[in-house]
Every structure is written in structure tokens, then in C-alpha cells.
């Protein structure tokens, strides 16, 4: 990932804001079931790479979040194990949520569509050997 900041001050500020909101959502996702962590952290890293090389470096070298960011920036792919865990956990969470929405057909339909889209996105990412 390039760490060259954008030339426009407004664009850098908007990217910083998007990265910060994304990072906050990712951190909330650590404790809230069904809210993913990794995609939000990776989005934050991409935003910070263009907005602030200092913040991108901080995130890349973070004790807990850094390994996932470095792995993604190095390989741009996921291992089969990672994909299995991601899709499996989505299946569990969508199933539990679907049971809760079983009497609300529109909400249930939206939930199932969102789950399918999430699985499709994960499965589209290239797979690499462990």
C-alpha cells in the first residue's frame, strides 16, 4: 500500500475521518458479535495510508492490529483457514439473528441477503496457501 498522502487538505481530512470512524467500528466489532473487525481495520489502514503516513505506520506496527494489516498489505489474499473461519462465523451469527427475526419477513430477508453478500465478498478474495 502506498503511504503517499493526498495533496488536498480536505481529502486528507475526510480520509482521516473515514479511517478513524472505521477503526472505531473495528474496535467495537471486537466485543459486539456480528460486527466484523478485520474489514474495518483494513479500511482504516487504507484511509490512513493516504491521509497520514504517521497513523498508517502506527496501525501497521500496532501489537494486535498490525499483523492483520501487514499480512493483507503483503499478500492481498486470505488463507483457506481464514476464509473458513470468516464464513463459518458469519453463518453462525446470521443463523442466530435469523431465528430472532423469524416473525419479521422483511427483516429476515434483508438479513439473509446481507449474509450472502458478506460471504460472497469473503469468497471472492484470492486464496493463498497457508
Protein backbone atom coordinates (compact mmCIF):
# COMPACT_ATOMS: atom_id res chain seq x y z
CA UNK A 1 0.00 0.00 0.00
CA UNK A 2 1.30 3.40 -0.88
CA UNK A 3 1.73 5.78 2.02
CA UNK A 4 1.90 8.94 -0.05
CA UNK A 5 -0.56 11.39 1.44
CA UNK A 6 -3.13 13.05 -0.75
CA UNK A 7 -2.26 16.57 -1.84
CA UNK A 8 -5.60 18.11 -0.91
CA UNK A 9 -6.03 19.09 2.73
CA UNK A 10 -9.79 18.46 2.53
CA UNK A 11 -9.30 14.99 1.04
CA UNK A 12 -6.74 14.12 3.74
CA UNK A 13 -9.12 15.31 6.45
CA UNK A 14 -12.02 13.27 5.01
CA UNK A 15 -9.79 10.20 4.72
CA UNK A 16 -8.60 10.70 8.30
CA UNK A 17 -12.23 10.94 9.43
CA UNK A 18 -13.25 7.84 7.47
CA UNK A 19 -10.25 5.93 8.82
CA UNK A 20 -10.96 6.94 12.39
CA UNK A 21 -14.66 6.01 12.17
CA UNK A 22 -13.70 2.72 10.52
CA UNK A 23 -11.12 1.95 13.19
CA UNK A 24 -13.67 2.74 15.92
CA UNK A 25 -16.18 0.36 14.30
CA UNK A 26 -13.49 -2.30 14.04
CA UNK A 27 -12.65 -1.96 17.72
CA UNK A 28 -16.32 -2.12 18.65
CA UNK A 29 -16.51 -5.26 16.49
CA UNK A 30 -14.06 -6.96 18.84
CA UNK A 31 -16.76 -7.10 21.52
CA UNK A 32 -20.03 -6.91 19.55
CA UNK A 33 -21.00 -10.21 17.89
CA UNK A 34 -21.87 -9.84 14.23
CA UNK A 35 -19.90 -6.62 13.70
CA UNK A 36 -16.72 -7.51 11.83
CA UNK A 37 -13.35 -6.25 12.96
CA UNK A 38 -10.94 -7.03 10.13
CA UNK A 39 -12.65 -5.22 7.23
CA UNK A 40 -12.97 -2.03 9.26
CA UNK A 41 -9.35 -2.16 10.40
CA UNK A 42 -8.17 -2.75 6.82
CA UNK A 43 -10.31 0.14 5.60
CA UNK A 44 -8.80 2.35 8.31
CA UNK A 45 -5.30 1.34 7.17
CA UNK A 46 -6.12 2.20 3.56
CA UNK A 47 -7.55 5.59 4.56
CA UNK A 48 -4.61 6.36 6.85
CA UNK A 49 -2.14 5.39 4.11
CA UNK A 50 -3.46 8.29 2.03
CA UNK A 51 -4.22 10.71 4.87
CA UNK A 52 -1.36 10.29 7.34
CA UNK A 53 1.75 8.13 6.97
CA UNK A 54 2.28 8.52 10.74
CA UNK A 55 -1.13 6.97 11.57
CA UNK A 56 -0.66 4.26 8.93
CA UNK A 57 2.71 3.38 10.46
CA UNK A 58 1.18 3.34 13.96
CA UNK A 59 -1.60 0.98 12.81
CA UNK A 60 0.80 -1.24 10.85
CA UNK A 61 3.06 -1.57 13.91
CA UNK A 62 0.25 -1.97 16.46
CA UNK A 63 0.71 -5.01 18.70
CA UNK A 64 -2.71 -6.56 18.00
CA UNK A 65 -3.98 -4.93 14.79
CA UNK A 66 -0.67 -4.66 12.96
CA UNK A 67 -0.29 -8.31 11.94
CA UNK A 68 -3.59 -8.40 10.05
CA UNK A 69 -2.79 -5.11 8.28
CA UNK A 70 0.74 -6.22 7.36
CA UNK A 71 -0.50 -9.62 6.19
CA UNK A 72 -3.12 -8.01 3.94
CA UNK A 73 -0.74 -5.39 2.55
CA UNK A 74 1.89 -8.06 1.82
CA UNK A 75 -0.27 -10.77 0.24
CA UNK A 76 -3.62 -9.21 -0.73
CA UNK A 77 -5.17 -12.62 -0.09
CA UNK A 78 -6.52 -14.84 2.68
CA UNK A 79 -5.63 -18.37 3.71
CA UNK A 80 -8.27 -21.08 3.36
CA UNK A 81 -8.39 -21.32 7.17
CA UNK A 82 -9.12 -17.60 7.50
CA UNK A 83 -11.88 -17.80 4.89
CA UNK A 84 -13.41 -20.84 6.59
CA UNK A 85 -13.43 -19.10 9.98
CA UNK A 86 -14.90 -15.92 8.47
CA UNK A 87 -17.70 -17.62 6.54
CA UNK A 88 -18.38 -20.05 9.41
CA UNK A 89 -18.72 -17.27 11.98
CA UNK A 90 -20.96 -15.30 9.60
CA UNK A 91 -23.12 -18.40 9.16
CA UNK A 92 -23.46 -18.83 12.93
CA UNK A 93 -24.28 -15.17 13.57
CA UNK A 94 -26.70 -14.86 10.65
CA UNK A 95 -28.44 -18.07 11.74
CA UNK A 96 -28.85 -16.84 15.31
CA UNK A 97 -30.08 -13.46 14.09
CA UNK A 98 -32.43 -15.09 11.57
CA UNK A 99 -34.02 -17.08 14.37
CA UNK A 100 -34.64 -13.81 16.22
CA UNK A 101 -36.22 -12.22 13.13
CA UNK A 102 -38.25 -15.28 12.10
CA UNK A 103 -41.57 -13.42 12.55
CA UNK A 104 -40.47 -10.35 10.58
CA UNK A 105 -40.16 -11.46 6.94
CA UNK A 106 -38.69 -8.20 5.58
CA UNK A 107 -36.03 -8.01 8.27
CA UNK A 108 -35.28 -11.71 7.84
CA UNK A 109 -34.94 -11.29 4.08
CA UNK A 110 -32.63 -8.30 4.47
CA UNK A 111 -30.52 -10.18 7.00
CA UNK A 112 -30.18 -13.21 4.72
CA UNK A 113 -29.25 -11.04 1.74
CA UNK A 114 -26.64 -9.20 3.82
CA UNK A 115 -25.22 -12.54 4.99
CA UNK A 116 -24.99 -13.82 1.43
CA UNK A 117 -23.29 -10.64 0.26
CA UNK A 118 -20.80 -10.88 3.12
CA UNK A 119 -19.97 -14.50 2.31
CA UNK A 120 -19.67 -13.66 -1.40
CA UNK A 121 -17.22 -10.85 -0.65
CA UNK A 122 -15.03 -13.12 1.50
CA UNK A 123 -15.12 -15.95 -1.04
CA UNK A 124 -14.12 -13.58 -3.88
CA UNK A 125 -10.86 -12.67 -2.15
CA UNK A 126 -7.97 -14.68 -3.57
CA UNK A 127 -6.93 -17.74 -1.54
CA UNK A 128 -3.28 -18.44 -0.77
CA UNK A 129 -1.55 -21.41 0.74
CA UNK A 130 -1.01 -21.28 4.50
